[in-house]
Amino acid sequence: MEEIICKVEDNLNKEVQNLTEVTQQLWECLRRGYSYNEAQIHMRAFRDGKTTVKEVVVKDKEDA
């Protein structure tokens, strides 16, 4: 019985850690001013062990 309780506790701890990380990433999206679509991209990148960077690109008016 104690072994089952330990496994359940471990699973709950992992789930809480995962939810905490997701929440932190969503706050990061808000901090960065990401749109909903940009936040979706960021969360997929986070799931894959990557991150995102929002960049501003300067172009000549003729090329825009």
Protein backbone atom coordinates (compact mmCIF):
# COMPACT_ATOMS: atom_id res chain seq x y z
CA MET A 1 0.00 0.00 0.00
CA GLU A 2 2.81 2.41 0.89
CA GLU A 3 4.44 1.76 -2.50
CA ILE A 4 1.23 2.77 -4.29
CA ILE A 5 0.98 5.93 -2.21
CA CYS A 6 4.58 6.83 -3.10
CA LYS A 7 3.91 6.32 -6.82
CA VAL A 8 0.77 8.46 -6.67
CA GLU A 9 2.65 11.15 -4.76
CA ASP A 10 5.49 11.11 -7.33
CA ASN A 11 2.99 11.41 -10.18
CA LEU A 12 1.22 14.29 -8.47
CA ASN A 13 4.53 16.08 -7.85
CA LYS A 14 5.48 15.70 -11.52
CA GLU A 15 2.08 17.00 -12.61
CA VAL A 16 2.32 20.01 -10.29
CA GLN A 17 5.82 20.76 -11.60
CA ASN A 18 4.58 20.51 -15.19
CA LEU A 19 1.62 22.80 -14.51
CA THR A 20 3.92 25.29 -12.77
CA GLU A 21 6.27 25.36 -15.77
CA VAL A 22 3.36 25.85 -18.19
CA THR A 23 2.00 28.69 -16.05
CA GLN A 24 5.43 30.35 -15.94
CA GLN A 25 5.70 30.12 -19.72
CA LEU A 26 2.24 31.64 -20.19
CA TRP A 27 3.25 34.53 -17.91
CA GLU A 28 6.39 34.92 -20.02
CA CYS A 29 4.20 35.17 -23.13
CA LEU A 30 2.20 37.95 -21.44
CA ARG A 31 5.38 39.73 -20.37
CA ARG A 32 6.70 39.61 -23.94
CA GLY A 33 3.42 40.93 -25.34
CA TYR A 34 2.79 37.88 -27.50
CA SER A 35 -0.48 37.57 -29.39
CA TYR A 36 -2.55 34.42 -28.96
CA ASN A 37 -0.98 32.88 -32.09
CA GLU A 38 2.53 33.80 -30.96
CA ALA A 39 1.84 32.28 -27.54
CA GLN A 40 0.72 29.04 -29.21
CA ILE A 41 3.99 28.94 -31.16
CA HIS A 42 5.95 29.64 -27.98
CA MET A 43 4.18 26.89 -26.04
CA ARG A 44 4.84 24.35 -28.83
CA ALA A 45 8.50 25.41 -28.83
CA PHE A 46 8.63 25.07 -25.03
CA ARG A 47 7.11 21.57 -25.26
CA ASP A 48 9.92 20.69 -27.72
CA GLY A 49 12.63 22.07 -25.42
CA LYS A 50 13.09 25.33 -27.33
CA THR A 51 12.14 28.96 -26.85
CA THR A 52 11.05 31.87 -29.02
CA VAL A 53 12.32 35.37 -29.69
CA LYS A 54 10.22 38.18 -31.10
CA GLU A 55 12.33 40.21 -33.49
CA VAL A 56 11.89 43.51 -35.27
CA VAL A 57 13.21 43.61 -38.82
CA VAL A 58 14.05 46.89 -40.57
CA LYS A 59 13.37 46.89 -44.32
CA ASP A 60 13.56 49.50 -47.03
CA LYS A 61 10.16 50.96 -47.86
CA GLU A 62 10.41 49.65 -51.41
CA ASP A 63 10.88 46.06 -50.14
CA ALA A 64 8.00 46.11 -47.65
